[in-house]
Amino acid sequence: MDMGGIFQLISVAGFALAAVGIALVVSSASRERPVRGGLFITLIGAVLGILFMVISWGVLVIGPTQVAVVFNSLTGRLETPRQSGISIVIPGVQVVTFYPISQQEYTMSGVGNEGAREGNDAVEARSIDGQEVTMDVTILFRIKSDADNVNRIHLDWSDLAGSYREGLIRPVTRSVIRDVVSTFQAEEIYGAGRGDMQIQIEDLLRVEFEERGFQLDNVLIRNVTFSLQFTEAIERKQIEEQELQRSRTEAERVRTEAGGRADAAIEAARGEAEAILVRAQAEAEALRLVSQQIAANPNLLQYIYISTLADNVSLALIPSNTPFLFDSSTFTQLAPDFAPPAIPTATPAGN
C-alpha cells in the first residue's frame, strides 16, 4: 500500500471515530447524562478524517514508469513535471496528469482484435510500379522523460481523443510507410529488398519521432501481401527460374561426364600410343642386334633355317629361282670360334 492509501485509511478511521462519538452523544443525551465525552470523540474523529483526507489528496505517489505533468490553475501554467517518488500538491489548485515513460506499442493489423483498432487496420501502400502492398505494422516507442519534452507533449496532445497515439504515432507511421514503399519495385519488396525497405522506414520514423519528443525503439513489419495476380505471376516466374536452373545443372553434369569420358579416351589413346612406341623400339633394337649377328656370322641364316627342319630331314628343296640348295651336313659342324647371338634384354619404356 502506498502513502496515499495509508492516509486514506487513517482518514476513514477518523470518520469512523467521529461516528462513534456521535453515537455516544445521542446515547448520553437520551439518558440525560453529560455528552462532553461523546462530543470530544466526535471532534477528534472529524478532524482526523478531514485532515488525512486532504493529505491523501495532496500526496502524489509517482511510479518508476510514470512522470506527472502539473498544471497550476491559479497561475495558468505548467509546473516542472514530477518524477518518480512522493510529491505534495495542493488539491484543487494543482491538477496532475500522468504519462507513461515505459515502452509502448501501437499495432496496425489486418487481423481483427489484434491492433489498436477493430477490424482491418493494415497499412496499404503502392509500389513504384503501381502494385498494391498491404502489411501489418507494430511500433515500439516511448516518451522522452525530460521536463520540457513532457510538458510539450501534454500541450500538443492532451486535448485530442486518443492523445498522441492516435494523433501522432498512427498517422506519421502510415505516411512514412507509404512514402518508402512508393520508391521500391513490388518484386523487390517481395524478395530480398524487404529488409532494405524496413531499414528505410525505421530510419525515417526515428527522425520524425525524435522531433516530436518520442524515442523509437523498433518497427516490426509482418504479413506483407500483394494482389493475387501479382503473387501468381511471381510464383510462375520463380518456377521458370527453378526449371532453368535445373536444366543448367543437368547440362553441366552431362558436360562434366562427357569431359570425363573424353579425358579417359585420350588417356587410353595416349597409353596405347606409348605402348606401340615401346614395342616398336623393342623390335627395332632386336632387328639391330640380329643385323649385328648376321654381319658377324654370315652362315647364321642358313643355320637358323636348317635348325627349324625336322630331325629326319637331311635335304630340302627350294624354289628353282633360289641360287642354293643346302645340305644339312655342311652345317653340322661350325667353326670353333662360332658364338650364338646374344638374347636382347627388354629396354624399359622411356629409356
Protein backbone atom coordinates (compact mmCIF):
# COMPACT_ATOMS: atom_id res chain seq x y z
CA MET A 1 0.00 0.00 0.00
CA ASP A 2 1.38 3.45 -0.94
CA MET A 3 1.40 6.55 1.26
CA GLY A 4 -1.78 7.92 -0.26
CA GLY A 5 -3.62 4.71 0.60
CA ILE A 6 -2.32 4.82 4.17
CA PHE A 7 -3.54 8.41 4.62
CA GLN A 8 -6.92 7.49 3.18
CA LEU A 9 -7.17 4.59 5.60
CA ILE A 10 -6.40 6.92 8.53
CA SER A 11 -8.99 9.34 7.20
CA VAL A 12 -11.64 6.60 7.12
CA ALA A 13 -10.69 5.57 10.64
CA GLY A 14 -11.08 9.19 11.78
CA PHE A 15 -14.55 9.47 10.29
CA ALA A 16 -15.48 6.15 11.90
CA LEU A 17 -14.30 7.54 15.26
CA ALA A 18 -16.43 10.62 14.69
CA ALA A 19 -19.43 8.37 14.02
CA VAL A 20 -18.79 6.56 17.31
CA GLY A 21 -18.64 9.92 19.11
CA ILE A 22 -21.96 10.96 17.61
CA ALA A 23 -23.49 7.67 18.76
CA LEU A 24 -22.22 8.29 22.29
CA VAL A 25 -23.63 11.83 22.27
CA VAL A 26 -27.04 10.54 21.21
CA SER A 27 -26.96 7.75 23.80
CA SER A 28 -25.90 10.08 26.64
CA ALA A 29 -28.48 12.69 25.72
CA SER A 30 -31.27 10.10 25.74
CA ARG A 31 -30.31 9.12 29.27
CA GLU A 32 -29.88 12.70 30.37
CA ARG A 33 -26.20 12.16 31.00
CA PRO A 34 -23.30 14.51 30.10
CA VAL A 35 -22.40 14.44 26.38
CA ARG A 36 -18.99 16.09 26.74
CA GLY A 37 -17.05 12.83 26.14
CA GLY A 38 -19.01 11.99 23.03
CA LEU A 39 -18.56 15.48 21.59
CA PHE A 40 -14.82 15.28 22.19
CA ILE A 41 -14.56 11.93 20.42
CA THR A 42 -16.65 13.25 17.55
CA LEU A 43 -14.48 16.32 17.18
CA ILE A 44 -11.23 14.33 17.23
CA GLY A 45 -12.54 11.82 14.66
CA ALA A 46 -13.83 14.53 12.31
CA VAL A 47 -10.56 16.48 12.48
CA LEU A 48 -8.52 13.33 11.76
CA GLY A 49 -10.82 12.29 8.92
CA ILE A 50 -10.81 15.68 7.19
CA LEU A 51 -7.08 16.27 7.74
CA PHE A 52 -5.89 12.94 6.38
CA MET A 53 -8.41 13.07 3.55
CA VAL A 54 -6.92 16.39 2.42
CA ILE A 55 -3.42 15.00 2.92
CA SER A 56 -4.25 11.89 0.85
CA TRP A 57 -5.50 14.13 -1.95
CA GLY A 58 -2.33 16.17 -1.78
CA VAL A 59 0.15 13.27 -1.59
CA LEU A 60 1.25 12.35 -5.10
CA VAL A 61 2.83 8.92 -5.44
CA ILE A 62 4.53 8.55 -8.84
CA GLY A 63 5.62 5.11 -10.00
CA PRO A 64 9.01 4.37 -11.67
CA THR A 65 7.38 4.10 -15.11
CA GLN A 66 5.48 7.40 -14.82
CA VAL A 67 6.00 11.12 -14.98
CA ALA A 68 3.43 13.65 -13.71
CA VAL A 69 2.59 16.88 -15.52
CA VAL A 70 1.33 19.51 -13.01
CA PHE A 71 -0.95 22.34 -14.11
CA ASN A 72 -1.36 25.24 -11.67
CA SER A 73 -4.90 26.54 -12.04
CA LEU A 74 -4.06 29.79 -10.22
CA THR A 75 -1.16 30.78 -12.50
CA GLY A 76 -2.45 29.01 -15.60
CA ARG A 77 0.96 27.50 -16.26
CA LEU A 78 2.57 24.08 -16.31
CA GLU A 79 4.99 23.45 -13.50
CA THR A 80 8.07 21.27 -13.63
CA PRO A 81 6.95 17.65 -14.15
CA ARG A 82 7.28 15.45 -11.09
CA GLN A 83 9.44 12.36 -11.48
CA SER A 84 9.00 9.01 -9.70
CA GLY A 85 8.65 9.20 -5.93
CA ILE A 86 6.36 11.08 -3.48
CA SER A 87 5.36 14.67 -4.11
CA ILE A 88 2.93 17.06 -2.40
CA VAL A 89 0.36 19.01 -4.41
CA ILE A 90 -2.42 21.35 -3.43
CA PRO A 91 -5.74 19.67 -4.13
CA GLY A 92 -7.93 21.72 -6.45
CA VAL A 93 -5.09 24.09 -7.32
CA GLN A 94 -2.50 21.80 -8.85
CA VAL A 95 -4.05 19.42 -11.39
CA VAL A 96 -1.97 16.32 -12.16
CA THR A 97 -1.85 14.29 -15.39
CA PHE A 98 0.19 11.09 -15.54
CA TYR A 99 2.15 9.98 -18.62
CA PRO A 100 3.89 6.61 -19.04
CA ILE A 101 7.60 6.65 -19.81
CA SER A 102 7.90 2.87 -20.25
CA GLN A 103 7.87 1.27 -23.68
CA GLN A 104 4.55 1.43 -25.50
CA GLU A 105 3.31 -0.29 -28.63
CA TYR A 106 0.90 0.65 -31.37
CA THR A 107 -0.25 -2.07 -33.79
CA MET A 108 -2.00 -1.71 -37.12
CA SER A 109 -3.12 -5.13 -38.30
CA GLY A 110 -5.47 -6.73 -40.76
CA VAL A 111 -6.38 -9.36 -38.15
CA GLY A 112 -9.40 -8.47 -36.06
CA ASN A 113 -8.79 -7.69 -32.36
CA GLU A 114 -5.02 -7.67 -32.87
CA GLY A 115 -4.46 -3.98 -33.47
CA ALA A 116 -5.30 -0.73 -31.74
CA ARG A 117 -8.47 -0.51 -33.84
CA GLU A 118 -11.09 -3.12 -34.53
CA GLY A 119 -11.33 -4.74 -37.95
CA ASN A 120 -8.88 -4.49 -40.84
CA ASP A 121 -6.40 -1.76 -39.98
CA ALA A 122 -3.40 -2.96 -42.04
CA VAL A 123 -1.28 -0.34 -43.78
CA GLU A 124 -1.96 -0.15 -47.52
CA ALA A 125 0.57 1.33 -49.94
CA ARG A 126 1.55 1.22 -53.63
CA SER A 127 4.94 0.38 -55.05
CA ILE A 128 6.68 2.47 -57.71
CA ASP A 129 5.28 0.14 -60.40
CA GLY A 130 1.73 0.56 -59.12
CA GLN A 131 1.32 -2.73 -57.26
CA GLU A 132 -0.78 -2.71 -54.08
CA VAL A 133 1.14 -3.76 -50.96
CA THR A 134 -0.51 -4.47 -47.59
CA MET A 135 1.32 -5.07 -44.33
CA ASP A 136 0.81 -5.36 -40.57
CA VAL A 137 2.95 -2.96 -38.54
CA THR A 138 3.80 -2.67 -34.84
CA ILE A 139 5.59 0.42 -33.50
CA LEU A 140 7.52 0.18 -30.22
CA PHE A 141 8.22 3.62 -28.74
CA ARG A 142 8.47 5.61 -25.51
CA ILE A 143 8.13 9.21 -24.31
CA LYS A 144 11.38 11.03 -23.65
CA SER A 145 11.09 11.94 -19.97
CA ASP A 146 12.91 15.28 -19.82
CA ALA A 147 10.76 18.09 -18.34
CA ASP A 148 10.37 20.36 -21.35
CA ASN A 149 9.52 17.46 -23.62
CA VAL A 150 6.80 16.02 -21.38
CA ASN A 151 5.16 19.42 -20.98
CA ARG A 152 5.24 19.93 -24.74
CA ILE A 153 3.58 16.56 -25.35
CA HIS A 154 0.89 17.49 -22.83
CA LEU A 155 0.24 20.80 -24.60
CA ASP A 156 0.18 19.20 -28.05
CA TRP A 157 -1.92 16.10 -27.41
CA SER A 158 -3.80 16.23 -24.08
CA ASP A 159 -7.00 17.64 -25.60
CA LEU A 160 -7.10 15.19 -28.51
CA ALA A 161 -9.14 12.00 -28.26
CA GLY A 162 -6.66 9.16 -28.26
CA SER A 163 -3.90 11.61 -27.38
CA TYR A 164 -0.55 11.19 -29.15
CA ARG A 165 -1.20 7.54 -30.05
CA GLU A 166 -3.98 8.41 -32.48
CA GLY A 167 -2.87 11.94 -33.25
CA LEU A 168 0.83 11.28 -33.94
CA ILE A 169 2.00 7.67 -33.88
CA ARG A 170 -0.65 6.31 -36.23
CA PRO A 171 -0.72 8.97 -38.99
CA VAL A 172 3.05 9.55 -39.08
CA THR A 173 3.75 5.82 -39.30
CA ARG A 174 1.28 5.23 -42.12
CA SER A 175 2.54 8.24 -44.05
CA VAL A 176 6.22 7.24 -43.82
CA ILE A 177 5.49 3.64 -44.84
CA ARG A 178 3.58 4.77 -47.92
CA ASP A 179 6.36 7.15 -48.91
CA VAL A 180 9.05 4.47 -48.61
CA VAL A 181 7.06 1.74 -50.37
CA SER A 182 6.48 4.08 -53.31
CA THR A 183 10.25 4.07 -54.00
CA PHE A 184 10.52 0.26 -54.36
CA GLN A 185 9.54 -2.16 -57.09
CA ALA A 186 6.95 -4.66 -55.88
CA GLU A 187 9.24 -7.53 -56.85
CA GLU A 188 11.98 -6.06 -54.64
CA ILE A 189 9.62 -5.93 -51.66
CA TYR A 190 8.52 -9.50 -52.41
CA GLY A 191 12.15 -10.64 -52.33
CA ALA A 192 15.45 -9.54 -50.84
CA GLY A 193 14.61 -5.82 -50.89
CA ARG A 194 12.18 -6.12 -47.99
CA GLY A 195 14.97 -5.73 -45.46
CA ASP A 196 16.14 -2.50 -47.12
CA MET A 197 12.58 -1.21 -47.10
CA GLN A 198 12.20 -1.86 -43.37
CA ILE A 199 15.53 -0.15 -42.60
CA GLN A 200 14.47 2.98 -44.50
CA ILE A 201 11.08 3.05 -42.75
CA GLU A 202 12.71 2.74 -39.34
CA ASP A 203 15.30 5.45 -40.07
CA LEU A 204 12.70 7.97 -41.25
CA LEU A 205 10.31 7.22 -38.39
CA ARG A 206 13.09 7.63 -35.85
CA VAL A 207 13.76 11.15 -37.14
CA GLU A 208 10.05 12.04 -37.13
CA PHE A 209 9.55 10.77 -33.59
CA GLU A 210 12.68 12.43 -32.20
CA GLU A 211 11.50 15.81 -33.49
CA ARG A 212 8.22 15.38 -31.60
CA GLY A 213 9.63 14.19 -28.27
CA PHE A 214 9.39 10.40 -28.71
CA GLN A 215 12.00 7.68 -28.88
CA LEU A 216 11.52 4.94 -31.47
CA ASP A 217 12.65 1.53 -30.22
CA ASN A 218 11.66 -0.75 -33.08
CA VAL A 219 9.47 -1.20 -36.15
CA LEU A 220 8.01 -4.66 -36.70
CA ILE A 221 6.67 -5.37 -40.20
CA ARG A 222 5.00 -8.68 -40.99
CA ASN A 223 2.36 -10.33 -43.16
CA VAL A 224 3.35 -8.38 -46.29
CA THR A 225 0.86 -9.30 -49.02
CA PHE A 226 0.28 -8.38 -52.66
CA SER A 227 -2.56 -8.70 -55.13
CA LEU A 228 -3.46 -12.24 -56.22
CA GLN A 229 -2.48 -11.58 -59.85
CA PHE A 230 0.97 -10.27 -58.86
CA THR A 231 1.60 -13.16 -56.46
CA GLU A 232 0.71 -15.73 -59.12
CA ALA A 233 2.96 -14.00 -61.67
CA ILE A 234 5.89 -14.01 -59.23
CA GLU A 235 5.34 -17.67 -58.41
CA ARG A 236 5.28 -18.58 -62.11
CA LYS A 237 8.50 -16.67 -62.67
CA GLN A 238 10.16 -18.41 -59.74
CA ILE A 239 9.08 -21.83 -61.08
CA GLU A 240 10.51 -20.97 -64.50
CA GLU A 241 13.78 -19.84 -62.94
CA GLN A 242 13.97 -23.05 -60.92
CA GLU A 243 13.36 -25.14 -64.04
CA LEU A 244 16.02 -23.16 -65.91
CA GLN A 245 18.45 -23.68 -63.06
CA ARG A 246 17.75 -27.42 -63.05
CA SER A 247 18.32 -27.53 -66.82
CA ARG A 248 21.61 -25.69 -66.43
CA THR A 249 22.66 -28.05 -63.67
CA GLU A 250 21.78 -31.11 -65.77
CA ALA A 251 23.63 -29.70 -68.79
CA GLU A 252 26.67 -29.03 -66.65
CA ARG A 253 26.52 -32.59 -65.31
CA VAL A 254 26.33 -34.01 -68.86
CA ARG A 255 29.24 -31.82 -69.96
CA THR A 256 31.26 -32.94 -66.96
CA GLU A 257 30.56 -36.61 -67.65
CA ALA A 258 31.34 -36.21 -71.37
CA GLY A 259 34.53 -34.40 -70.48
CA GLY A 260 35.46 -37.23 -68.14
CA ARG A 261 34.84 -39.84 -70.82
CA ALA A 262 36.83 -37.80 -73.37
CA ASP A 263 39.70 -37.45 -70.93
CA ALA A 264 39.63 -41.19 -70.29
CA ALA A 265 39.64 -41.92 -74.04
CA ILE A 266 42.53 -39.53 -74.55
CA GLU A 267 44.47 -41.15 -71.75
CA ALA A 268 43.73 -44.60 -73.16
CA ALA A 269 44.86 -43.50 -76.63
CA ARG A 270 47.97 -41.92 -75.18
CA GLY A 271 48.72 -45.14 -73.29
CA GLU A 272 48.19 -47.26 -76.43
CA ALA A 273 50.43 -44.96 -78.46
CA GLU A 274 53.13 -45.18 -75.83
CA ALA A 275 52.78 -48.98 -75.80
CA ILE A 276 53.11 -49.13 -79.59
CA LEU A 277 56.14 -46.89 -79.42
CA VAL A 278 57.73 -49.13 -76.78
CA ARG A 279 57.05 -52.27 -78.89
CA ALA A 280 58.44 -50.60 -82.00
CA GLN A 281 61.54 -49.54 -80.09
CA ALA A 282 61.96 -53.11 -78.80
CA GLU A 283 61.53 -54.62 -82.27
CA ALA A 284 63.94 -52.11 -83.75
CA GLU A 285 66.51 -52.99 -81.10
CA ALA A 286 66.01 -56.69 -81.79
CA LEU A 287 66.49 -56.18 -85.52
CA ARG A 288 69.61 -54.16 -84.81
CA LEU A 289 71.06 -56.97 -82.74
CA VAL A 290 70.10 -59.55 -85.41
CA SER A 291 71.77 -57.43 -88.06
CA GLN A 292 74.91 -57.28 -85.95
CA GLN A 293 74.95 -61.07 -85.54
CA ILE A 294 74.33 -61.71 -89.25
CA ALA A 295 77.16 -59.37 -90.09
CA ALA A 296 79.43 -61.23 -87.67
CA ASN A 297 78.21 -64.74 -88.77
CA PRO A 298 77.21 -64.91 -92.49
CA ASN A 299 76.04 -68.55 -92.19
CA LEU A 300 73.61 -67.68 -89.39
CA LEU A 301 70.52 -67.56 -91.61
CA GLN A 302 71.26 -70.99 -93.05
CA TYR A 303 71.81 -72.34 -89.61
CA ILE A 304 68.51 -70.99 -88.32
CA TYR A 305 66.66 -72.33 -91.34
CA ILE A 306 68.10 -75.81 -91.04
CA SER A 307 67.54 -75.90 -87.26
CA THR A 308 63.85 -75.46 -87.81
CA LEU A 309 63.61 -78.57 -90.01
CA ALA A 310 62.55 -81.89 -88.65
CA ASP A 311 65.23 -84.17 -87.24
CA ASN A 312 64.95 -86.74 -90.10
CA VAL A 313 65.29 -84.19 -92.92
CA SER A 314 68.76 -84.08 -94.45
CA LEU A 315 67.93 -82.44 -97.78
CA ALA A 316 65.47 -79.67 -98.59
CA LEU A 317 64.23 -78.50 -101.96
CA ILE A 318 63.83 -74.82 -102.55
CA PRO A 319 62.24 -72.95 -105.43
CA SER A 320 64.05 -73.03 -108.80
CA ASN A 321 64.92 -69.37 -108.65
CA THR A 322 66.80 -69.86 -105.35
CA PRO A 323 70.51 -69.95 -106.05
CA PHE A 324 71.45 -72.55 -103.47
CA LEU A 325 70.46 -75.94 -102.16
CA PHE A 326 71.59 -76.60 -98.65
CA ASP A 327 72.78 -79.92 -97.42
CA SER A 328 72.35 -80.10 -93.71
CA SER A 329 75.65 -81.95 -93.37
CA THR A 330 77.52 -78.87 -94.43
CA PHE A 331 76.22 -77.09 -91.31
CA THR A 332 76.53 -79.79 -88.71
CA GLN A 333 79.95 -78.65 -87.83
CA LEU A 334 80.57 -74.98 -87.29
CA ALA A 335 83.77 -73.08 -86.89
CA PRO A 336 85.44 -73.42 -83.48
CA ASP A 337 85.05 -69.72 -82.79
CA PHE A 338 81.33 -69.57 -83.62
CA ALA A 339 79.21 -67.79 -80.95
CA PRO A 340 75.42 -67.82 -80.93
CA PRO A 341 73.75 -64.43 -80.98
CA ALA A 342 73.09 -62.80 -77.65
CA ILE A 343 69.50 -62.63 -76.45
CA PRO A 344 68.47 -58.97 -76.27
CA THR A 345 67.13 -57.73 -72.94
CA ALA A 346 63.91 -55.70 -72.78
CA THR A 347 64.51 -51.97 -72.71
CA PRO A 348 62.26 -50.09 -70.22
CA ALA A 349 59.86 -47.66 -71.79
CA GLY A 350 61.17 -44.14 -71.95
CA ASN A 351 64.90 -45.13 -71.93
